[in-house]
N, C-alpha and C. Protein backbone atom coordinates (compact mmCIF):
# COMPACT_ATOMS: atom_id res chain seq x y z
N MET A 1 -36.10 -17.36 19.19
CA MET A 1 -35.40 -17.44 17.99
C MET A 1 -34.18 -16.35 17.87
N LYS A 2 -34.40 -15.24 18.78
CA LYS A 2 -33.53 -14.12 19.02
C LYS A 2 -32.30 -14.44 20.07
N LEU A 3 -32.59 -15.41 21.00
CA LEU A 3 -31.71 -16.45 21.49
C LEU A 3 -30.69 -17.28 20.75
N ILE A 4 -31.18 -18.13 19.77
CA ILE A 4 -30.62 -18.77 18.77
C ILE A 4 -29.48 -17.87 18.39
N GLY A 5 -30.16 -16.54 17.59
CA GLY A 5 -28.94 -16.04 16.88
C GLY A 5 -27.66 -15.43 17.98
N LYS A 6 -28.50 -14.95 19.20
CA LYS A 6 -27.23 -14.63 20.29
C LYS A 6 -26.18 -15.37 20.24
N ILE A 7 -26.64 -16.79 20.93
CA ILE A 7 -25.60 -17.64 20.96
C ILE A 7 -24.60 -18.23 19.88
N LEU A 8 -25.34 -17.93 18.06
CA LEU A 8 -24.19 -18.04 17.40
C LEU A 8 -23.44 -16.53 17.28
N SER A 9 -23.89 -15.90 17.25
CA SER A 9 -23.11 -14.54 17.42
C SER A 9 -22.00 -14.51 18.21
N LEU A 10 -21.91 -15.70 19.52
CA LEU A 10 -20.58 -15.20 20.39
C LEU A 10 -19.55 -15.77 19.74
N PRO A 11 -19.49 -17.42 19.14
CA PRO A 11 -18.01 -17.67 18.35
C PRO A 11 -17.42 -16.23 17.08
N LEU A 12 -18.64 -15.59 16.82
CA LEU A 12 -18.45 -14.93 15.79
C LEU A 12 -17.87 -13.63 16.56
N ILE A 13 -18.27 -13.51 17.48
CA ILE A 13 -17.54 -11.97 18.34
C ILE A 13 -15.91 -12.30 18.57
N LEU A 14 -15.85 -13.69 19.37
CA LEU A 14 -14.39 -14.14 19.62
C LEU A 14 -13.79 -13.71 17.90
N VAL A 15 -14.30 -14.33 17.38
CA VAL A 15 -13.26 -14.25 16.03
C VAL A 15 -13.11 -13.20 15.29
N THR A 16 -13.77 -12.43 15.45
CA THR A 16 -13.46 -10.90 15.04
C THR A 16 -12.53 -10.40 15.63
N GLY A 17 -12.74 -10.25 16.96
CA GLY A 17 -11.77 -10.08 18.14
C GLY A 17 -10.25 -9.69 17.90
N ILE A 18 -10.35 -11.34 18.07
CA ILE A 18 -8.99 -12.29 17.74
C ILE A 18 -8.39 -11.29 16.13
N LEU A 19 -9.43 -11.39 15.49
CA LEU A 19 -8.76 -11.17 13.91
C LEU A 19 -8.47 -9.10 14.29
N TYR A 20 -9.01 -8.44 14.87
CA TYR A 20 -8.97 -7.33 14.74
C TYR A 20 -7.70 -6.85 15.34
N GLY A 21 -7.69 -7.49 16.43
CA GLY A 21 -6.16 -6.83 17.33
C GLY A 21 -5.42 -7.58 16.26
N PHE A 22 -5.22 -8.78 16.09
CA PHE A 22 -3.76 -8.90 15.39
C PHE A 22 -3.97 -8.22 13.82
N PHE A 23 -4.87 -8.01 13.10
CA PHE A 23 -4.65 -7.59 12.27
C PHE A 23 -4.16 -5.69 12.27
N LYS A 24 -4.62 -5.39 13.49
CA LYS A 24 -4.52 -3.92 13.72
C LYS A 24 -2.78 -3.92 14.16
N PHE A 25 -2.10 -4.93 14.93
CA PHE A 25 -0.90 -4.36 15.25
C PHE A 25 0.18 -4.90 13.92
N VAL A 26 -0.35 -6.02 13.04
CA VAL A 26 0.21 -5.78 11.77
C VAL A 26 -0.01 -4.70 10.85
N VAL A 27 -0.69 -3.90 10.96
CA VAL A 27 -1.11 -2.90 10.00
C VAL A 27 -0.34 -1.52 10.55
N ILE A 28 -0.03 -1.78 12.08
CA ILE A 28 0.62 -0.49 12.51
C ILE A 28 2.08 -0.54 12.04
N ALA A 29 2.50 -2.22 12.25
CA ALA A 29 4.13 -2.45 12.13
C ALA A 29 4.61 -2.42 10.98
N SER A 30 3.89 -2.75 9.65
CA SER A 30 3.65 -2.38 8.46
C SER A 30 3.61 -0.97 7.65
N GLY A 31 3.09 -0.34 8.72
CA GLY A 31 2.93 0.93 8.73
C GLY A 31 4.09 1.47 8.67
N ALA A 32 5.10 1.63 9.75
CA ALA A 32 5.88 2.47 10.28
C ALA A 32 7.47 1.49 8.98
N VAL A 33 7.47 0.31 9.04
CA VAL A 33 8.44 -0.27 8.25
C VAL A 33 8.51 -0.32 6.47
N LEU A 34 7.10 0.08 6.12
CA LEU A 34 6.97 0.59 4.89
C LEU A 34 6.78 2.14 4.67
N GLY A 35 6.46 2.95 5.68
CA GLY A 35 7.07 4.13 5.83
C GLY A 35 8.55 4.40 5.11
N ILE A 36 9.52 3.97 6.12
CA ILE A 36 10.81 3.96 5.89
C ILE A 36 11.14 3.33 4.38
N LEU A 37 10.38 2.63 4.02
CA LEU A 37 10.98 1.87 2.98
C LEU A 37 10.59 2.54 1.49
N SER A 38 9.46 3.61 1.79
CA SER A 38 8.89 4.50 0.90
C SER A 38 9.77 5.75 0.79
N GLY A 39 10.39 6.35 2.11
CA GLY A 39 11.28 7.18 1.84
C GLY A 39 12.37 6.79 0.81
N ILE A 40 13.09 5.63 0.69
CA ILE A 40 14.09 4.91 0.56
C ILE A 40 13.78 4.83 -0.87
N VAL A 41 12.96 3.94 -1.12
CA VAL A 41 12.29 4.14 -2.71
C VAL A 41 12.17 5.27 -3.00
N PHE A 42 11.35 6.38 -2.80
CA PHE A 42 11.35 8.17 -3.32
C PHE A 42 12.59 8.60 -3.74
N LEU A 43 14.12 8.59 -2.74
CA LEU A 43 14.97 8.79 -3.28
C LEU A 43 15.49 7.72 -4.40
N ALA A 44 14.74 6.58 -4.47
CA ALA A 44 15.67 6.50 -5.54
C ALA A 44 15.30 6.91 -6.58
N ALA A 45 14.01 6.75 -6.63
CA ALA A 45 13.52 7.11 -7.84
C ALA A 45 13.38 8.86 -8.42
N LEU A 46 14.26 9.72 -7.32
CA LEU A 46 14.64 10.91 -7.74
C LEU A 46 15.83 10.49 -8.99
N GLY A 47 17.03 9.81 -8.55
CA GLY A 47 17.92 9.09 -8.79
C GLY A 47 17.64 8.49 -10.06
N ILE A 48 16.91 7.80 -10.56
CA ILE A 48 16.57 7.40 -11.46
C ILE A 48 15.53 8.04 -12.87
N TRP A 49 15.27 9.11 -12.04
CA TRP A 49 14.22 9.87 -13.22
C TRP A 49 15.58 11.33 -13.97
N ILE A 50 16.37 11.26 -12.88
CA ILE A 50 17.82 11.93 -13.46
C ILE A 50 18.15 10.98 -14.66
N SER A 51 19.09 10.22 -13.99
CA SER A 51 19.80 9.00 -14.94
C SER A 51 19.00 8.30 -16.26
N ALA A 52 17.56 8.10 -15.87
CA ALA A 52 16.72 6.88 -16.85
C ALA A 52 15.75 7.56 -17.75
N GLY A 53 15.54 8.80 -17.04
CA GLY A 53 14.62 9.46 -18.09
C GLY A 53 13.46 9.60 -17.04
N LEU A 54 12.06 10.33 -17.76
CA LEU A 54 11.12 10.51 -17.18
C LEU A 54 10.08 9.53 -16.87
N LEU A 55 9.72 9.15 -17.62
CA LEU A 55 8.64 7.37 -17.34
C LEU A 55 9.30 6.55 -16.58
N PRO A 56 10.59 5.95 -16.40
CA PRO A 56 11.18 4.80 -15.34
C PRO A 56 10.78 5.97 -13.52
N GLY A 57 11.26 7.03 -13.92
CA GLY A 57 10.90 7.70 -12.68
C GLY A 57 9.87 7.89 -12.15
N LEU A 58 9.16 8.12 -12.74
CA LEU A 58 7.46 8.18 -12.62
C LEU A 58 6.63 6.72 -12.22
N ALA A 59 7.20 6.04 -12.73
CA ALA A 59 6.65 4.57 -12.25
C ALA A 59 7.53 4.36 -10.70
N TRP A 60 8.60 4.57 -10.71
CA TRP A 60 8.93 4.20 -9.19
C TRP A 60 8.62 5.35 -8.71
N LEU A 61 7.99 5.98 -8.61
CA LEU A 61 7.58 7.67 -7.81
C LEU A 61 6.19 6.58 -7.46
N ALA A 62 5.53 5.94 -8.52
CA ALA A 62 4.20 5.81 -8.16
C ALA A 62 4.28 4.65 -7.11
N ILE A 63 5.56 3.55 -7.20
CA ILE A 63 5.71 2.52 -6.30
C ILE A 63 5.46 3.04 -4.60
N ALA A 64 6.44 4.30 -4.86
CA ALA A 64 7.11 4.89 -3.86
C ALA A 64 5.29 5.05 -3.13
N PHE A 65 4.46 6.10 -3.81
CA PHE A 65 3.47 6.32 -3.38
C PHE A 65 2.88 5.11 -2.70
N LEU A 66 2.61 4.00 -3.40
CA LEU A 66 1.74 3.06 -3.02
C LEU A 66 2.38 2.45 -1.90
N ILE A 67 3.27 2.01 -1.57
CA ILE A 67 3.98 1.57 -0.21
C ILE A 67 4.50 2.64 1.01
N SER A 68 3.81 3.71 0.49
CA SER A 68 3.61 5.00 1.53
C SER A 68 2.68 4.98 2.46
N PRO A 69 2.81 5.72 3.23
CA PRO A 69 1.39 5.55 4.70
C PRO A 69 -0.19 6.05 4.01
N TYR A 70 -0.28 6.53 2.65
CA TYR A 70 -0.80 7.29 2.23
C TYR A 70 -1.56 6.27 1.26
N GLY A 71 -1.04 5.25 0.82
CA GLY A 71 -1.07 4.01 -0.46
C GLY A 71 -2.09 2.96 0.17
N LEU A 72 -1.51 1.70 -0.04
CA LEU A 72 -1.57 0.46 0.29
C LEU A 72 -1.99 0.35 2.05
N PRO A 73 -1.03 0.79 2.97
CA PRO A 73 -1.54 0.59 4.11
C PRO A 73 -2.46 1.65 4.11
N MET A 74 -2.99 2.72 3.67
CA MET A 74 -4.18 3.31 4.33
C MET A 74 -5.57 2.23 3.58
N ALA A 75 -5.45 1.56 2.54
CA ALA A 75 -6.09 1.02 2.59
C ALA A 75 -6.24 -0.50 3.66
N ALA A 76 -6.07 -1.14 3.79
CA ALA A 76 -5.54 -2.17 4.74
C ALA A 76 -5.96 -1.35 6.50
N ALA A 77 -5.82 -0.56 6.31
CA ALA A 77 -6.25 0.01 7.64
C ALA A 77 -7.44 0.72 7.76
N TRP A 78 -7.93 1.16 6.45
CA TRP A 78 -9.80 1.04 5.79
C TRP A 78 -10.48 -0.29 6.27
N LEU A 79 -9.76 -1.36 5.66
CA LEU A 79 -10.26 -2.84 6.36
C LEU A 79 -10.57 -3.62 7.43
N VAL A 80 -9.11 -3.12 8.09
CA VAL A 80 -9.42 -3.30 9.88
C VAL A 80 -10.29 -2.59 9.90
N GLY A 81 -10.64 -1.56 10.47
CA GLY A 81 -11.27 -0.36 10.66
C GLY A 81 -13.37 -1.09 10.47
N LYS A 82 -13.14 -1.40 9.36
CA LYS A 82 -14.30 -2.23 8.85
C LYS A 82 -14.84 -3.65 9.81
N LEU A 83 -13.71 -4.11 9.97
CA LEU A 83 -13.32 -5.29 10.93
C LEU A 83 -13.69 -4.84 12.31
N GLY A 84 -13.39 -4.31 12.52
CA GLY A 84 -13.64 -3.52 14.17
C GLY A 84 -15.25 -3.01 14.24
N GLY A 85 -15.22 -2.14 13.27
CA GLY A 85 -16.99 -2.13 12.96
C GLY A 85 -17.50 -3.13 13.21
N LEU A 86 -17.59 -4.26 12.70
CA LEU A 86 -18.36 -5.46 12.65
C LEU A 86 -17.87 -5.86 14.13
N ASN A 87 -17.67 -6.22 15.02
CA ASN A 87 -17.11 -6.98 15.80
C ASN A 87 -18.10 -6.02 16.75
N ASP A 88 -18.08 -4.64 16.80
CA ASP A 88 -18.72 -3.48 17.51
C ASP A 88 -20.15 -4.12 17.55
N ALA A 89 -20.45 -4.13 16.26
CA ALA A 89 -21.81 -4.36 15.85
C ALA A 89 -22.83 -5.75 16.31
N LEU A 90 -21.51 -6.65 15.89
CA LEU A 90 -22.18 -8.05 16.91
C LEU A 90 -21.78 -8.38 18.41
N ARG A 91 -21.43 -7.28 18.79
CA ARG A 91 -21.44 -6.94 20.18
C ARG A 91 -22.75 -6.35 20.84
N ASP A 92 -22.91 -5.07 19.70
CA ASP A 92 -23.98 -4.47 20.64
C ASP A 92 -25.25 -5.51 20.23
N PHE A 93 -25.41 -6.25 19.01
CA PHE A 93 -26.42 -7.46 18.86
C PHE A 93 -26.17 -8.44 20.20
N PHE A 94 -25.48 -8.64 20.85
CA PHE A 94 -25.15 -10.15 21.73
C PHE A 94 -25.57 -9.07 22.99
N PHE A 95 -25.07 -7.98 23.44
CA PHE A 95 -25.05 -7.62 24.60
C PHE A 95 -26.67 -6.34 24.72
N GLY A 96 -26.94 -5.72 23.81
CA GLY A 96 -27.73 -5.12 23.47
C GLY A 96 -29.64 -5.87 23.53
């Protein structure tokens, strides 16, 4: 029965390994681009805060935080890390 589980886990190891590598690259590349973009949005938020008022400026600051490396890219990196953990657990099951 364990042999059948190992045979069935082999394609999952391959798929999760490929997805992990691809998504890791995407998270790194998008983090760099969104980091630069969040700086631009932050400067625009300061200008909006001065010209349009407090509430629109705070809304744009929230958007700048979400696209900063501590916002949505951090959540995506956490999910990619969970996918890598799943891949490691499948490898441990297969080889262990």
